[in-house]
Amino acid sequence: QVQLMESGGGLVQTGGSLRLSCAASGSIPSINVMGWYRQAPGKQRELVAGIRSGGSTNYVDSVKGRFTISRDNAKNTVYLQMNSLKPEDTAVYYCNCHLSWRDYWGQGTQVTVSS
């Protein structure tokens, strides 16, 4: 079992920054993919950014150049640094741990960007 605990969400003005953290605990294989998804009201959940255990990353086009995903393997923690936030970034952000046999999800943290 893997448990994920997110933190760092909140309310910020347009152009502001937030840093999300996701601490993973439990039986975590060394090879895994960690990611951040988001879901806005009335929309499907979408992948925002992902990072493999080797460090390679990918981003949805709408956040490229503004968001940075990183991880500390020693702490089993993944981060999402969000800069130049826009109202359309408002959503519940979920941490994800993707293993070959299943996905694990955090409880979600609300990010609200006011205009």
C-alpha atoms as a PDB file:
ATOM      1  CA  GLN A   1       0.000   0.000   0.000  1.00  0.00           C
ATOM      2  CA  VAL A   2       1.050   3.554  -0.733  1.00  0.00           C
ATOM      3  CA  GLN A   3      -0.298   6.609   1.057  1.00  0.00           C
ATOM      4  CA  LEU A   4      -0.037  10.092  -0.422  1.00  0.00           C
ATOM      5  CA  MET A   5      -0.440  13.292   1.563  1.00  0.00           C
ATOM      6  CA  GLU A   6      -0.670  16.605  -0.285  1.00  0.00           C
ATOM      7  CA  SER A   7      -0.137  20.069   1.109  1.00  0.00           C
ATOM      8  CA  GLY A   8       0.397  23.602  -0.114  1.00  0.00           C
ATOM      9  CA  GLY A   9      -2.832  24.564  -1.810  1.00  0.00           C
ATOM     10  CA  GLY A  10      -4.628  27.820  -1.172  1.00  0.00           C
ATOM     11  CA  LEU A  11      -5.879  31.090  -2.567  1.00  0.00           C
ATOM     12  CA  VAL A  12      -3.593  33.290  -4.620  1.00  0.00           C
ATOM     13  CA  GLN A  13      -3.976  36.238  -6.963  1.00  0.00           C
ATOM     14  CA  THR A  14      -3.301  36.090 -10.680  1.00  0.00           C
ATOM     15  CA  GLY A  15       0.427  36.075 -11.279  1.00  0.00           C
ATOM     16  CA  GLY A  16       1.191  34.608  -7.890  1.00  0.00           C
ATOM     17  CA  SER A  17       2.953  31.410  -6.935  1.00  0.00           C
ATOM     18  CA  LEU A  18       2.234  28.303  -4.909  1.00  0.00           C
ATOM     19  CA  ARG A  19       4.226  25.195  -4.125  1.00  0.00           C
ATOM     20  CA  LEU A  20       2.464  21.885  -3.703  1.00  0.00           C
ATOM     21  CA  SER A  21       4.069  18.986  -1.867  1.00  0.00           C
ATOM     22  CA  CYS A  22       3.154  15.320  -1.833  1.00  0.00           C
ATOM     23  CA  ALA A  23       4.706  13.004   0.716  1.00  0.00           C
ATOM     24  CA  ALA A  24       4.485   9.316  -0.081  1.00  0.00           C
ATOM     25  CA  SER A  25       4.675   6.585   2.521  1.00  0.00           C
ATOM     26  CA  GLY A  26       4.310   2.833   2.555  1.00  0.00           C
ATOM     27  CA  SER A  27       5.744   0.209   0.217  1.00  0.00           C
ATOM     28  CA  ILE A  28       7.052   2.264  -2.675  1.00  0.00           C
ATOM     29  CA  PRO A  29       9.077   0.548  -5.376  1.00  0.00           C
ATOM     30  CA  SER A  30      12.179   2.370  -6.520  1.00  0.00           C
ATOM     31  CA  ILE A  31      10.849   2.515 -10.060  1.00  0.00           C
ATOM     32  CA  ASN A  32       7.721   4.629 -10.223  1.00  0.00           C
ATOM     33  CA  VAL A  33       6.140   7.649 -11.801  1.00  0.00           C
ATOM     34  CA  MET A  34       4.832  10.460  -9.660  1.00  0.00           C
ATOM     35  CA  GLY A  35       2.528  13.095 -11.004  1.00  0.00           C
ATOM     36  CA  TRP A  36       0.111  15.902 -10.377  1.00  0.00           C
ATOM     37  CA  TYR A  37      -3.369  15.926 -11.851  1.00  0.00           C
ATOM     38  CA  ARG A  38      -6.057  18.545 -11.536  1.00  0.00           C
ATOM     39  CA  GLN A  39      -9.796  18.659 -11.872  1.00  0.00           C
ATOM     40  CA  ALA A  40     -11.780  21.830 -12.298  1.00  0.00           C
ATOM     41  CA  PRO A  41     -15.548  21.952 -11.735  1.00  0.00           C
ATOM     42  CA  GLY A  42     -17.385  20.357 -14.644  1.00  0.00           C
ATOM     43  CA  LYS A  43     -14.180  19.167 -16.293  1.00  0.00           C
ATOM     44  CA  GLN A  44     -12.338  15.900 -16.520  1.00  0.00           C
ATOM     45  CA  ARG A  45      -9.267  15.241 -14.451  1.00  0.00           C
ATOM     46  CA  GLU A  46      -6.131  16.026 -16.453  1.00  0.00           C
ATOM     47  CA  LEU A  47      -2.456  15.298 -16.042  1.00  0.00           C
ATOM     48  CA  VAL A  48      -0.565  18.477 -15.210  1.00  0.00           C
ATOM     49  CA  ALA A  49       2.962  17.127 -14.806  1.00  0.00           C
ATOM     50  CA  GLY A  50       4.738  13.844 -14.263  1.00  0.00           C
ATOM     51  CA  ILE A  51       8.206  12.812 -13.180  1.00  0.00           C
ATOM     52  CA  ARG A  52       9.823   9.396 -13.410  1.00  0.00           C
ATOM     53  CA  SER A  53      12.105   7.952 -10.791  1.00  0.00           C
ATOM     54  CA  GLY A  54      15.030   8.701 -13.123  1.00  0.00           C
ATOM     55  CA  GLY A  55      14.058  12.358 -13.257  1.00  0.00           C
ATOM     56  CA  SER A  56      12.548  12.803 -16.702  1.00  0.00           C
ATOM     57  CA  THR A  57       9.500  15.059 -16.735  1.00  0.00           C
ATOM     58  CA  ASN A  58       6.503  15.903 -18.868  1.00  0.00           C
ATOM     59  CA  TYR A  59       3.949  18.712 -18.717  1.00  0.00           C
ATOM     60  CA  VAL A  60       0.623  19.593 -20.217  1.00  0.00           C
ATOM     61  CA  ASP A  61       1.105  22.389 -22.735  1.00  0.00           C
ATOM     62  CA  SER A  62      -0.897  24.923 -20.743  1.00  0.00           C
ATOM     63  CA  VAL A  63       1.590  24.936 -17.850  1.00  0.00           C
ATOM     64  CA  LYS A  64       4.884  24.640 -19.691  1.00  0.00           C
ATOM     65  CA  GLY A  65       7.245  27.403 -18.652  1.00  0.00           C
ATOM     66  CA  ARG A  66       5.189  28.193 -15.542  1.00  0.00           C
ATOM     67  CA  PHE A  67       5.121  24.971 -13.500  1.00  0.00           C
ATOM     68  CA  THR A  68       8.030  22.800 -12.422  1.00  0.00           C
ATOM     69  CA  ILE A  69       7.748  19.304 -11.021  1.00  0.00           C
ATOM     70  CA  SER A  70      10.560  17.862  -8.942  1.00  0.00           C
ATOM     71  CA  ARG A  71      11.128  15.037  -6.525  1.00  0.00           C
ATOM     72  CA  ASP A  72      13.285  14.135  -3.567  1.00  0.00           C
ATOM     73  CA  ASN A  73      13.665  10.371  -3.700  1.00  0.00           C
ATOM     74  CA  ALA A  74      15.283  10.239  -0.267  1.00  0.00           C
ATOM     75  CA  LYS A  75      12.174  11.824   1.237  1.00  0.00           C
ATOM     76  CA  ASN A  76       9.700  10.147  -1.129  1.00  0.00           C
ATOM     77  CA  THR A  77       8.303  13.581  -1.817  1.00  0.00           C
ATOM     78  CA  VAL A  78       7.261  15.224  -5.060  1.00  0.00           C
ATOM     79  CA  TYR A  79       6.766  18.951  -5.515  1.00  0.00           C
ATOM     80  CA  LEU A  80       4.947  21.162  -7.959  1.00  0.00           C
ATOM     81  CA  GLN A  81       6.174  24.745  -8.126  1.00  0.00           C
ATOM     82  CA  MET A  82       3.498  26.855  -9.779  1.00  0.00           C
ATOM     83  CA  ASN A  83       4.405  30.347 -10.966  1.00  0.00           C
ATOM     84  CA  SER A  84       2.516  32.970 -12.957  1.00  0.00           C
ATOM     85  CA  LEU A  85      -0.748  31.415 -11.901  1.00  0.00           C
ATOM     86  CA  LYS A  86      -3.873  32.141 -13.902  1.00  0.00           C
ATOM     87  CA  PRO A  87      -7.566  31.858 -12.997  1.00  0.00           C
ATOM     88  CA  GLU A  88      -7.821  28.858 -15.335  1.00  0.00           C
ATOM     89  CA  ASP A  89      -5.383  27.007 -13.065  1.00  0.00           C
ATOM     90  CA  THR A  90      -8.090  26.916 -10.399  1.00  0.00           C
ATOM     91  CA  ALA A  91      -8.831  23.277  -9.583  1.00  0.00           C
ATOM     92  CA  VAL A  92      -8.400  20.522  -7.072  1.00  0.00           C
ATOM     93  CA  TYR A  93      -4.889  19.165  -7.507  1.00  0.00           C
ATOM     94  CA  TYR A  94      -4.258  15.481  -6.880  1.00  0.00           C
ATOM     95  CA  CYS A  95      -0.980  13.715  -6.328  1.00  0.00           C
ATOM     96  CA  ASN A  96      -0.604  10.415  -8.141  1.00  0.00           C
ATOM     97  CA  CYS A  97       1.795   7.505  -7.780  1.00  0.00           C
ATOM     98  CA  HIS A  98       1.759   5.262 -10.830  1.00  0.00           C
ATOM     99  CA  LEU A  99       3.045   1.738 -10.427  1.00  0.00           C
ATOM    100  CA  SER A 100       2.931  -1.043 -12.992  1.00  0.00           C
ATOM    101  CA  TRP A 101      -0.009  -2.748 -11.254  1.00  0.00           C
ATOM    102  CA  ARG A 102      -2.067   0.213  -9.990  1.00  0.00           C
ATOM    103  CA  ASP A 103      -2.351   3.909  -9.307  1.00  0.00           C
ATOM    104  CA  TYR A 104      -2.541   5.574  -5.923  1.00  0.00           C
ATOM    105  CA  TRP A 105      -4.107   8.978  -5.302  1.00  0.00           C
ATOM    106  CA  GLY A 106      -3.943  11.640  -2.654  1.00  0.00           C
ATOM    107  CA  GLN A 107      -7.028  13.289  -1.220  1.00  0.00           C
ATOM    108  CA  GLY A 108      -6.562  16.461  -3.248  1.00  0.00           C
ATOM    109  CA  THR A 109      -5.738  20.057  -2.397  1.00  0.00           C
ATOM    110  CA  GLN A 110      -7.657  23.089  -3.618  1.00  0.00           C
ATOM    111  CA  VAL A 111      -5.870  25.770  -5.617  1.00  0.00           C
ATOM    112  CA  THR A 112      -7.853  28.927  -6.299  1.00  0.00           C
ATOM    113  CA  VAL A 113      -6.496  31.761  -8.416  1.00  0.00           C
ATOM    114  CA  SER A 114      -8.424  35.012  -8.185  1.00  0.00           C
ATOM    115  CA  SER A 115      -8.527  37.504 -11.040  1.00  0.00           C
END
